[in-house]
Amino acid sequence: MQIQTEEGILDLAFDAAKFKTKAGAAKALYKALCKLAKAMGQDPDIEVSLYTPEQSFARGYTTGWQVQWEAGPYQWAIGASFQVANHKAGWYTEPYYSFDLCFTD
């Protein structure tokens, strides 16, 4: 998957259509972002986060799965939100801020 950002094209080894569940897709996106962050010289343990619906709600956000990459390219999640979805399975994503994706239905 390629995401258009203000800094250029972001290549991400992720295909949302392969996942029937939001949980599976969120976990796979998290792993793909960790790999990309590491390739960019970042520490993915610090820069990339995955939150369960319960954790997201406890933090004052949505009740869906949430993937954050605050140190990623500017507004990466906005471009990704147009592509990270599986409408046949009944889920899609929305950016909460410009650096995180919330998986919803």
PDB file of N, CA and C in Angstrom:
ATOM      1  N   MET A   1       0.841  -1.167   0.000  1.00  0.00           N
ATOM      2  CA  MET A   1       0.000   0.000   0.000  1.00  0.00           C
ATOM      3  C   MET A   1       0.890   1.236   0.000  1.00  0.00           C
ATOM      4  N   GLN A   2       0.511   2.198  -0.769  1.00  0.00           N
ATOM      5  CA  GLN A   2       1.220   3.466  -0.803  1.00  0.00           C
ATOM      6  C   GLN A   2       0.298   4.569  -0.298  1.00  0.00           C
ATOM      7  N   ILE A   3       0.847   5.389   0.597  1.00  0.00           N
ATOM      8  CA  ILE A   3       0.092   6.489   1.183  1.00  0.00           C
ATOM      9  C   ILE A   3       0.738   7.793   0.752  1.00  0.00           C
ATOM     10  N   GLN A   4      -0.063   8.691   0.224  1.00  0.00           N
ATOM     11  CA  GLN A   4       0.440  10.006  -0.149  1.00  0.00           C
ATOM     12  C   GLN A   4       0.501  10.881   1.086  1.00  0.00           C
ATOM     13  N   THR A   5       1.665  11.458   1.363  1.00  0.00           N
ATOM     14  CA  THR A   5       1.834  12.408   2.454  1.00  0.00           C
ATOM     15  C   THR A   5       2.414  13.691   1.885  1.00  0.00           C
ATOM     16  N   GLU A   6       2.474  14.729   2.686  1.00  0.00           N
ATOM     17  CA  GLU A   6       3.069  15.983   2.228  1.00  0.00           C
ATOM     18  C   GLU A   6       4.556  15.818   1.936  1.00  0.00           C
ATOM     19  N   GLU A   7       5.161  14.785   2.537  1.00  0.00           N
ATOM     20  CA  GLU A   7       6.586  14.532   2.363  1.00  0.00           C
ATOM     21  C   GLU A   7       6.869  13.558   1.223  1.00  0.00           C
ATOM     22  N   GLY A   8       5.838  13.071   0.577  1.00  0.00           N
ATOM     23  CA  GLY A   8       6.010  12.132  -0.524  1.00  0.00           C
ATOM     24  C   GLY A   8       5.211  10.860  -0.298  1.00  0.00           C
ATOM     25  N   ILE A   9       5.577   9.828  -1.036  1.00  0.00           N
ATOM     26  CA  ILE A   9       4.894   8.547  -0.964  1.00  0.00           C
ATOM     27  C   ILE A   9       5.474   7.710   0.169  1.00  0.00           C
ATOM     28  N   LEU A  10       4.594   7.126   0.960  1.00  0.00           N
ATOM     29  CA  LEU A  10       4.986   6.253   2.056  1.00  0.00           C
ATOM     30  C   LEU A  10       4.616   4.825   1.664  1.00  0.00           C
ATOM     31  N   ASP A  11       5.618   3.973   1.469  1.00  0.00           N
ATOM     32  CA  ASP A  11       5.369   2.570   1.127  1.00  0.00           C
ATOM     33  C   ASP A  11       5.187   1.769   2.398  1.00  0.00           C
ATOM     34  N   LEU A  12       4.087   1.047   2.467  1.00  0.00           N
ATOM     35  CA  LEU A  12       3.753   0.292   3.661  1.00  0.00           C
ATOM     36  C   LEU A  12       3.371  -1.127   3.269  1.00  0.00           C
ATOM     37  N   ALA A  13       4.044  -2.102   3.853  1.00  0.00           N
ATOM     38  CA  ALA A  13       3.766  -3.508   3.569  1.00  0.00           C
ATOM     39  C   ALA A  13       2.515  -3.930   4.333  1.00  0.00           C
ATOM     40  N   PHE A  14       1.349  -3.568   3.787  1.00  0.00           N
ATOM     41  CA  PHE A  14       0.078  -3.837   4.460  1.00  0.00           C
ATOM     42  C   PHE A  14      -1.033  -3.852   3.420  1.00  0.00           C
ATOM     43  N   ASP A  15      -1.935  -4.826   3.535  1.00  0.00           N
ATOM     44  CA  ASP A  15      -3.085  -4.918   2.638  1.00  0.00           C
ATOM     45  C   ASP A  15      -4.327  -5.149   3.485  1.00  0.00           C
ATOM     46  N   ALA A  16      -5.114  -4.108   3.670  1.00  0.00           N
ATOM     47  CA  ALA A  16      -6.292  -4.175   4.534  1.00  0.00           C
ATOM     48  C   ALA A  16      -7.306  -5.219   4.080  1.00  0.00           C
ATOM     49  N   ALA A  17      -7.380  -5.476   2.789  1.00  0.00           N
ATOM     50  CA  ALA A  17      -8.372  -6.420   2.259  1.00  0.00           C
ATOM     51  C   ALA A  17      -8.159  -7.849   2.755  1.00  0.00           C
ATOM     52  N   LYS A  18      -6.977  -8.136   3.278  1.00  0.00           N
ATOM     53  CA  LYS A  18      -6.683  -9.481   3.774  1.00  0.00           C
ATOM     54  C   LYS A  18      -7.298  -9.766   5.137  1.00  0.00           C
ATOM     55  N   PHE A  19      -7.829  -8.749   5.789  1.00  0.00           N
ATOM     56  CA  PHE A  19      -8.273  -8.906   7.171  1.00  0.00           C
ATOM     57  C   PHE A  19      -9.778  -8.739   7.309  1.00  0.00           C
ATOM     58  N   LYS A  20     -10.413  -9.747   7.880  1.00  0.00           N
ATOM     59  CA  LYS A  20     -11.854  -9.706   8.092  1.00  0.00           C
ATOM     60  C   LYS A  20     -12.210  -8.940   9.357  1.00  0.00           C
ATOM     61  N   THR A  21     -11.302  -8.916  10.327  1.00  0.00           N
ATOM     62  CA  THR A  21     -11.603  -8.260  11.589  1.00  0.00           C
ATOM     63  C   THR A  21     -10.772  -6.993  11.769  1.00  0.00           C
ATOM     64  N   LYS A  22     -11.328  -6.059  12.507  1.00  0.00           N
ATOM     65  CA  LYS A  22     -10.608  -4.834  12.837  1.00  0.00           C
ATOM     66  C   LYS A  22      -9.390  -5.155  13.691  1.00  0.00           C
ATOM     67  N   ALA A  23      -9.538  -6.098  14.599  1.00  0.00           N
ATOM     68  CA  ALA A  23      -8.423  -6.465  15.485  1.00  0.00           C
ATOM     69  C   ALA A  23      -7.241  -6.991  14.681  1.00  0.00           C
ATOM     70  N   GLY A  24      -7.493  -7.894  13.752  1.00  0.00           N
ATOM     71  CA  GLY A  24      -6.428  -8.454  12.933  1.00  0.00           C
ATOM     72  C   GLY A  24      -5.758  -7.393  12.081  1.00  0.00           C
ATOM     73  N   ALA A  25      -6.557  -6.500  11.513  1.00  0.00           N
ATOM     74  CA  ALA A  25      -6.013  -5.436  10.673  1.00  0.00           C
ATOM     75  C   ALA A  25      -5.198  -4.449  11.505  1.00  0.00           C
ATOM     76  N   ALA A  26      -5.697  -4.078  12.668  1.00  0.00           N
ATOM     77  CA  ALA A  26      -4.982  -3.129  13.527  1.00  0.00           C
ATOM     78  C   ALA A  26      -3.637  -3.700  13.963  1.00  0.00           C
ATOM     79  N   LYS A  27      -3.626  -4.958  14.341  1.00  0.00           N
ATOM     80  CA  LYS A  27      -2.376  -5.600  14.766  1.00  0.00           C
ATOM     81  C   LYS A  27      -1.378  -5.679  13.608  1.00  0.00           C
ATOM     82  N   ALA A  28      -1.865  -5.995  12.417  1.00  0.00           N
ATOM     83  CA  ALA A  28      -0.982  -6.080  11.248  1.00  0.00           C
ATOM     84  C   ALA A  28      -0.473  -4.698  10.839  1.00  0.00           C
ATOM     85  N   LEU A  29      -1.332  -3.688  10.896  1.00  0.00           N
ATOM     86  CA  LEU A  29      -0.893  -2.334  10.577  1.00  0.00           C
ATOM     87  C   LEU A  29       0.157  -1.874  11.582  1.00  0.00           C
ATOM     88  N   TYR A  30      -0.060  -2.173  12.835  1.00  0.00           N
ATOM     89  CA  TYR A  30       0.911  -1.833  13.877  1.00  0.00           C
ATOM     90  C   TYR A  30       2.276  -2.444  13.550  1.00  0.00           C
ATOM     91  N   LYS A  31       2.303  -3.714  13.200  1.00  0.00           N
ATOM     92  CA  LYS A  31       3.569  -4.382  12.858  1.00  0.00           C
ATOM     93  C   LYS A  31       4.220  -3.736  11.634  1.00  0.00           C
ATOM     94  N   ALA A  32       3.413  -3.401  10.625  1.00  0.00           N
ATOM     95  CA  ALA A  32       3.953  -2.774   9.413  1.00  0.00           C
ATOM     96  C   ALA A  32       4.524  -1.391   9.725  1.00  0.00           C
ATOM     97  N   LEU A  33       3.846  -0.629  10.573  1.00  0.00           N
ATOM     98  CA  LEU A  33       4.348   0.689  10.949  1.00  0.00           C
ATOM     99  C   LEU A  33       5.613   0.582  11.790  1.00  0.00           C
ATOM    100  N   CYS A  34       5.678  -0.421  12.663  1.00  0.00           N
ATOM    101  CA  CYS A  34       6.895  -0.633  13.452  1.00  0.00           C
ATOM    102  C   CYS A  34       8.082  -0.917  12.539  1.00  0.00           C
ATOM    103  N   LYS A  35       7.860  -1.757  11.550  1.00  0.00           N
ATOM    104  CA  LYS A  35       8.930  -2.092  10.602  1.00  0.00           C
ATOM    105  C   LYS A  35       9.380  -0.851   9.837  1.00  0.00           C
ATOM    106  N   LEU A  36       8.431  -0.057   9.391  1.00  0.00           N
ATOM    107  CA  LEU A  36       8.753   1.156   8.643  1.00  0.00           C
ATOM    108  C   LEU A  36       9.446   2.181   9.541  1.00  0.00           C
ATOM    109  N   ALA A  37       8.971   2.352  10.747  1.00  0.00           N
ATOM    110  CA  ALA A  37       9.602   3.294  11.677  1.00  0.00           C
ATOM    111  C   ALA A  37      11.054   2.901  11.943  1.00  0.00           C
ATOM    112  N   LYS A  38      11.281   1.608  12.122  1.00  0.00           N
ATOM    113  CA  LYS A  38      12.644   1.135  12.358  1.00  0.00           C
ATOM    114  C   LYS A  38      13.530   1.412  11.143  1.00  0.00           C
ATOM    115  N   ALA A  39      12.998   1.189   9.949  1.00  0.00           N
ATOM    116  CA  ALA A  39      13.757   1.449   8.724  1.00  0.00           C
ATOM    117  C   ALA A  39      14.079   2.933   8.575  1.00  0.00           C
ATOM    118  N   MET A  40      13.277   3.789   9.197  1.00  0.00           N
ATOM    119  CA  MET A  40      13.495   5.231   9.137  1.00  0.00           C
ATOM    120  C   MET A  40      14.399   5.713  10.280  1.00  0.00           C
ATOM    121  N   GLY A  41      14.926   4.759  11.070  1.00  0.00           N
ATOM    122  CA  GLY A  41      15.835   5.115  12.154  1.00  0.00           C
ATOM    123  C   GLY A  41      15.153   5.443  13.470  1.00  0.00           C
ATOM    124  N   GLN A  42      13.873   5.154  13.575  1.00  0.00           N
ATOM    125  CA  GLN A  42      13.133   5.427  14.803  1.00  0.00           C
ATOM    126  C   GLN A  42      13.088   4.180  15.681  1.00  0.00           C
ATOM    127  N   ASP A  43      12.780   4.374  16.941  1.00  0.00           N
ATOM    128  CA  ASP A  43      12.571   3.269  17.872  1.00  0.00           C
ATOM    129  C   ASP A  43      11.071   2.981  17.908  1.00  0.00           C
ATOM    130  N   PRO A  44      10.621   1.911  17.261  1.00  0.00           N
ATOM    131  CA  PRO A  44       9.185   1.644  17.195  1.00  0.00           C
ATOM    132  C   PRO A  44       8.543   1.376  18.557  1.00  0.00           C
ATOM    133  N   ASP A  45       9.337   0.946  19.532  1.00  0.00           N
ATOM    134  CA  ASP A  45       8.785   0.724  20.869  1.00  0.00           C
ATOM    135  C   ASP A  45       8.349   2.034  21.518  1.00  0.00           C
ATOM    136  N   ILE A  46       8.909   3.133  21.047  1.00  0.00           N
ATOM    137  CA  ILE A  46       8.562   4.455  21.578  1.00  0.00           C
ATOM    138  C   ILE A  46       7.592   5.189  20.651  1.00  0.00           C
ATOM    139  N   GLU A  47       7.800   5.071  19.358  1.00  0.00           N
ATOM    140  CA  GLU A  47       7.084   5.899  18.389  1.00  0.00           C
ATOM    141  C   GLU A  47       5.763   5.330  17.886  1.00  0.00           C
ATOM    142  N   VAL A  48       5.571   4.027  17.955  1.00  0.00           N
ATOM    143  CA  VAL A  48       4.365   3.402  17.410  1.00  0.00           C
ATOM    144  C   VAL A  48       3.610   2.711  18.545  1.00  0.00           C
ATOM    145  N   SER A  49       2.298   2.914  18.581  1.00  0.00           N
ATOM    146  CA  SER A  49       1.487   2.342  19.655  1.00  0.00           C
ATOM    147  C   SER A  49       0.248   1.655  19.096  1.00  0.00           C
ATOM    148  N   LEU A  50      -0.183   0.628  19.800  1.00  0.00           N
ATOM    149  CA  LEU A  50      -1.409  -0.107  19.474  1.00  0.00           C
ATOM    150  C   LEU A  50      -2.263  -0.151  20.737  1.00  0.00           C
ATOM    151  N   TYR A  51      -3.517   0.236  20.607  1.00  0.00           N
ATOM    152  CA  TYR A  51      -4.432   0.242  21.743  1.00  0.00           C
ATOM    153  C   TYR A  51      -5.673  -0.591  21.425  1.00  0.00           C
ATOM    154  N   THR A  52      -6.058  -1.428  22.362  1.00  0.00           N
ATOM    155  CA  THR A  52      -7.291  -2.201  22.244  1.00  0.00           C
ATOM    156  C   THR A  52      -8.471  -1.246  22.413  1.00  0.00           C
ATOM    157  N   PRO A  53      -9.677  -1.678  22.094  1.00  0.00           N
ATOM    158  CA  PRO A  53     -10.840  -0.806  22.328  1.00  0.00           C
ATOM    159  C   PRO A  53     -10.953  -0.357  23.788  1.00  0.00           C
ATOM    160  N   GLU A  54     -10.665  -1.248  24.709  1.00  0.00           N
ATOM    161  CA  GLU A  54     -10.759  -0.907  26.126  1.00  0.00           C
ATOM    162  C   GLU A  54      -9.697   0.130  26.513  1.00  0.00           C
ATOM    163  N   GLN A  55      -8.491  -0.055  26.020  1.00  0.00           N
ATOM    164  CA  GLN A  55      -7.422   0.907  26.294  1.00  0.00           C
ATOM    165  C   GLN A  55      -7.719   2.266  25.668  1.00  0.00           C
ATOM    166  N   SER A  56      -8.232   2.265  24.451  1.00  0.00           N
ATOM    167  CA  SER A  56      -8.577   3.523  23.779  1.00  0.00           C
ATOM    168  C   SER A  56      -9.644   4.273  24.567  1.00  0.00           C
ATOM    169  N   PHE A  57     -10.674   3.576  24.989  1.00  0.00           N
ATOM    170  CA  PHE A  57     -11.757   4.203  25.744  1.00  0.00           C
ATOM    171  C   PHE A  57     -11.250   4.756  27.073  1.00  0.00           C
ATOM    172  N   ALA A  58     -10.400   3.988  27.755  1.00  0.00           N
ATOM    173  CA  ALA A  58      -9.841   4.424  29.046  1.00  0.00           C
ATOM    174  C   ALA A  58      -8.991   5.683  28.886  1.00  0.00           C
ATOM    175  N   ARG A  59      -8.425   5.888  27.705  1.00  0.00           N
ATOM    176  CA  ARG A  59      -7.594   7.056  27.432  1.00  0.00           C
ATOM    177  C   ARG A  59      -8.427   8.244  26.937  1.00  0.00           C
ATOM    178  N   GLY A  60      -9.750   8.065  26.846  1.00  0.00           N
ATOM    179  CA  GLY A  60     -10.634   9.151  26.429  1.00  0.00           C
ATOM    180  C   GLY A  60     -10.862   9.235  24.941  1.00  0.00           C
ATOM    181  N   TYR A  61     -10.561   8.178  24.210  1.00  0.00           N
ATOM    182  CA  TYR A  61     -10.741   8.166  22.760  1.00  0.00           C
ATOM    183  C   TYR A  61     -11.946   7.306  22.398  1.00  0.00           C
ATOM    184  N   THR A  62     -11.911   6.745  21.232  1.00  0.00           N
ATOM    185  CA  THR A  62     -12.961   5.896  20.704  1.00  0.00           C
ATOM    186  C   THR A  62     -12.995   4.541  21.414  1.00  0.00           C
ATOM    187  N   THR A  63     -13.990   3.751  21.101  1.00  0.00           N
ATOM    188  CA  THR A  63     -14.043   2.395  21.640  1.00  0.00           C
ATOM    189  C   THR A  63     -13.557   1.380  20.615  1.00  0.00           C
ATOM    190  N   GLY A  64     -12.810   1.835  19.626  1.00  0.00           N
ATOM    191  CA  GLY A  64     -12.267   0.940  18.608  1.00  0.00           C
ATOM    192  C   GLY A  64     -10.786   0.722  18.776  1.00  0.00           C
ATOM    193  N   TRP A  65     -10.254  -0.170  17.973  1.00  0.00           N
ATOM    194  CA  TRP A  65      -8.799  -0.367  17.923  1.00  0.00           C
ATOM    195  C   TRP A  65      -8.181   0.918  17.417  1.00  0.00           C
ATOM    196  N   GLN A  66      -7.000   1.245  17.927  1.00  0.00           N
ATOM    197  CA  GLN A  66      -6.339   2.483  17.550  1.00  0.00           C
ATOM    198  C   GLN A  66      -4.847   2.229  17.361  1.00  0.00           C
ATOM    199  N   VAL A  67      -4.315   2.722  16.237  1.00  0.00           N
ATOM    200  CA  VAL A  67      -2.892   2.614  15.940  1.00  0.00           C
ATOM    201  C   VAL A  67      -2.349   4.034  15.806  1.00  0.00           C
ATOM    202  N   GLN A  68      -1.275   4.337  16.558  1.00  0.00           N
ATOM    203  CA  GLN A  68      -0.686   5.677  16.537  1.00  0.00           C
ATOM    204  C   GLN A  68       0.773   5.609  16.100  1.00  0.00           C
ATOM    205  N   TRP A  69       1.166   6.617  15.336  1.00  0.00           N
ATOM    206  CA  TRP A  69       2.570   6.799  14.964  1.00  0.00           C
ATOM    207  C   TRP A  69       2.810   8.305  14.920  1.00  0.00           C
ATOM    208  N   GLU A  70       3.071   8.869  16.094  1.00  0.00           N
ATOM    209  CA  GLU A  70       3.206  10.320  16.223  1.00  0.00           C
ATOM    210  C   GLU A  70       4.420  10.867  15.476  1.00  0.00           C
ATOM    211  N   ALA A  71       5.458  10.078  15.322  1.00  0.00           N
ATOM    212  CA  ALA A  71       6.680  10.545  14.660  1.00  0.00           C
ATOM    213  C   ALA A  71       6.694  10.218  13.168  1.00  0.00           C
ATOM    214  N   GLY A  72       5.574   9.751  12.652  1.00  0.00           N
ATOM    215  CA  GLY A  72       5.502   9.414  11.234  1.00  0.00           C
ATOM    216  C   GLY A  72       5.430  10.663  10.372  1.00  0.00           C
ATOM    217  N   PRO A  73       5.420  10.491   9.065  1.00  0.00           N
ATOM    218  CA  PRO A  73       5.292  11.634   8.163  1.00  0.00           C
ATOM    219  C   PRO A  73       4.027  12.435   8.486  1.00  0.00           C
ATOM    220  N   TYR A  74       4.118  13.728   8.307  1.00  0.00           N
ATOM    221  CA  TYR A  74       3.035  14.641   8.650  1.00  0.00           C
ATOM    222  C   TYR A  74       1.704  14.188   8.030  1.00  0.00           C
ATOM    223  N   GLN A  75       0.717  14.027   8.857  1.00  0.00           N
ATOM    224  CA  GLN A  75      -0.646  13.653   8.486  1.00  0.00           C
ATOM    225  C   GLN A  75      -0.744  12.327   7.742  1.00  0.00           C
ATOM    226  N   TRP A  76       0.119  11.384   8.051  1.00  0.00           N
ATOM    227  CA  TRP A  76       0.102  10.083   7.378  1.00  0.00           C
ATOM    228  C   TRP A  76      -1.247   9.382   7.539  1.00  0.00           C
ATOM    229  N   ALA A  77      -1.882   9.533   8.687  1.00  0.00           N
ATOM    230  CA  ALA A  77      -3.128   8.802   8.955  1.00  0.00           C
ATOM    231  C   ALA A  77      -4.291   9.297   8.111  1.00  0.00           C
ATOM    232  N   ILE A  78      -4.241  10.546   7.692  1.00  0.00           N
ATOM    233  CA  ILE A  78      -5.326  11.063   6.854  1.00  0.00           C
ATOM    234  C   ILE A  78      -5.310  10.358   5.506  1.00  0.00           C
ATOM    235  N   GLY A  79      -4.144  10.281   4.880  1.00  0.00           N
ATOM    236  CA  GLY A  79      -4.037   9.547   3.615  1.00  0.00           C
ATOM    237  C   GLY A  79      -4.333   8.071   3.774  1.00  0.00           C
ATOM    238  N   ALA A  80      -3.880   7.490   4.868  1.00  0.00           N
ATOM    239  CA  ALA A  80      -4.101   6.059   5.104  1.00  0.00           C
ATOM    240  C   ALA A  80      -5.579   5.744   5.311  1.00  0.00           C
ATOM    241  N   SER A  81      -6.314   6.676   5.895  1.00  0.00           N
ATOM    242  CA  SER A  81      -7.727   6.405   6.188  1.00  0.00           C
ATOM    243  C   SER A  81      -8.552   6.152   4.929  1.00  0.00           C
ATOM    244  N   PHE A  82      -8.098   6.655   3.801  1.00  0.00           N
ATOM    245  CA  PHE A  82      -8.816   6.423   2.547  1.00  0.00           C
ATOM    246  C   PHE A  82      -8.558   5.020   1.990  1.00  0.00           C
ATOM    247  N   GLN A  83      -7.515   4.354   2.492  1.00  0.00           N
ATOM    248  CA  GLN A  83      -7.127   3.053   1.943  1.00  0.00           C
ATOM    249  C   GLN A  83      -7.246   1.895   2.932  1.00  0.00           C
ATOM    250  N   VAL A  84      -7.150   2.175   4.209  1.00  0.00           N
ATOM    251  CA  VAL A  84      -7.180   1.107   5.213  1.00  0.00           C
ATOM    252  C   VAL A  84      -8.629   0.831   5.577  1.00  0.00           C
ATOM    253  N   ALA A  85      -9.205  -0.122   4.863  1.00  0.00           N
ATOM    254  CA  ALA A  85     -10.606  -0.496   5.052  1.00  0.00           C
ATOM    255  C   ALA A  85     -10.863  -1.854   4.420  1.00  0.00           C
ATOM    256  N   ASN A  86     -11.902  -2.494   4.888  1.00  0.00           N
ATOM    257  CA  ASN A  86     -12.404  -3.705   4.261  1.00  0.00           C
ATOM    258  C   ASN A  86     -13.926  -3.613   4.324  1.00  0.00           C
ATOM    259  N   HIS A  87     -14.500  -2.963   3.326  1.00  0.00           N
ATOM    260  CA  HIS A  87     -15.939  -2.715   3.323  1.00  0.00           C
ATOM    261  C   HIS A  87     -16.747  -4.001   3.240  1.00  0.00           C
ATOM    262  N   LYS A  88     -16.210  -5.016   2.578  1.00  0.00           N
ATOM    263  CA  LYS A  88     -16.913  -6.307   2.521  1.00  0.00           C
ATOM    264  C   LYS A  88     -17.038  -6.915   3.911  1.00  0.00           C
ATOM    265  N   ALA A  89     -16.015  -6.726   4.745  1.00  0.00           N
ATOM    266  CA  ALA A  89     -16.036  -7.248   6.110  1.00  0.00           C
ATOM    267  C   ALA A  89     -16.745  -6.284   7.068  1.00  0.00           C
ATOM    268  N   GLY A  90     -17.040  -5.075   6.600  1.00  0.00           N
ATOM    269  CA  GLY A  90     -17.818  -4.135   7.392  1.00  0.00           C
ATOM    270  C   GLY A  90     -17.032  -3.206   8.299  1.00  0.00           C
ATOM    271  N   TRP A  91     -15.763  -2.972   7.990  1.00  0.00           N
ATOM    272  CA  TRP A  91     -14.995  -2.027   8.820  1.00  0.00           C
ATOM    273  C   TRP A  91     -14.183  -1.074   7.952  1.00  0.00           C
ATOM    274  N   TYR A  92     -13.829   0.050   8.537  1.00  0.00           N
ATOM    275  CA  TYR A  92     -13.001   1.061   7.877  1.00  0.00           C
ATOM    276  C   TYR A  92     -12.231   1.813   8.960  1.00  0.00           C
ATOM    277  N   THR A  93     -11.445   2.807   8.559  1.00  0.00           N
ATOM    278  CA  THR A  93     -10.687   3.588   9.527  1.00  0.00           C
ATOM    279  C   THR A  93     -10.964   5.073   9.364  1.00  0.00           C
ATOM    280  N   GLU A  94     -10.750   5.780  10.452  1.00  0.00           N
ATOM    281  CA  GLU A  94     -10.840   7.233  10.461  1.00  0.00           C
ATOM    282  C   GLU A  94      -9.673   7.764  11.278  1.00  0.00           C
ATOM    283  N   PRO A  95      -9.090   8.879  10.870  1.00  0.00           N
ATOM    284  CA  PRO A  95      -8.043   9.464  11.720  1.00  0.00           C
ATOM    285  C   PRO A  95      -8.696  10.146  12.913  1.00  0.00           C
ATOM    286  N   TYR A  96      -8.117   9.976  14.092  1.00  0.00           N
ATOM    287  CA  TYR A  96      -8.582  10.730  15.254  1.00  0.00           C
ATOM    288  C   TYR A  96      -7.870  12.077  15.243  1.00  0.00           C
ATOM    289  N   TYR A  97      -6.562  11.997  15.182  1.00  0.00           N
ATOM    290  CA  TYR A  97      -5.715  13.145  14.862  1.00  0.00           C
ATOM    291  C   TYR A  97      -5.065  12.782  13.532  1.00  0.00           C
ATOM    292  N   SER A  98      -4.094  13.515  13.093  1.00  0.00           N
ATOM    293  CA  SER A  98      -3.481  13.212  11.804  1.00  0.00           C
ATOM    294  C   SER A  98      -2.406  12.142  11.905  1.00  0.00           C
ATOM    295  N   PHE A  99      -2.169  11.619  13.113  1.00  0.00           N
ATOM    296  CA  PHE A  99      -1.125  10.622  13.316  1.00  0.00           C
ATOM    297  C   PHE A  99      -1.630   9.311  13.887  1.00  0.00           C
ATOM    298  N   ASP A 100      -2.943   9.117  13.907  1.00  0.00           N
ATOM    299  CA  ASP A 100      -3.468   7.849  14.401  1.00  0.00           C
ATOM    300  C   ASP A 100      -4.712   7.438  13.634  1.00  0.00           C
ATOM    301  N   LEU A 101      -4.884   6.134  13.532  1.00  0.00           N
ATOM    302  CA  LEU A 101      -6.054   5.578  12.859  1.00  0.00           C
ATOM    303  C   LEU A 101      -6.909   4.843  13.868  1.00  0.00           C
ATOM    304  N   CYS A 102      -8.205   5.070  13.780  1.00  0.00           N
ATOM    305  CA  CYS A 102      -9.173   4.365  14.609  1.00  0.00           C
ATOM    306  C   CYS A 102      -9.957   3.421  13.693  1.00  0.00           C
ATOM    307  N   PHE A 103     -10.025   2.181  14.073  1.00  0.00           N
ATOM    308  CA  PHE A 103     -10.729   1.161  13.306  1.00  0.00           C
ATOM    309  C   PHE A 103     -12.177   1.109  13.789  1.00  0.00           C
ATOM    310  N   THR A 104     -13.113   1.267  12.883  1.00  0.00           N
ATOM    311  CA  THR A 104     -14.520   1.356  13.262  1.00  0.00           C
ATOM    312  C   THR A 104     -15.380   0.623  12.224  1.00  0.00           C
ATOM    313  N   ASP A 105     -16.676   0.605  12.468  1.00  0.00           N
ATOM    314  CA  ASP A 105     -17.609   0.008  11.500  1.00  0.00           C
ATOM    315  C   ASP A 105     -18.835   0.846  11.330  1.00  0.00           C
TER     316      ASP A 105
END
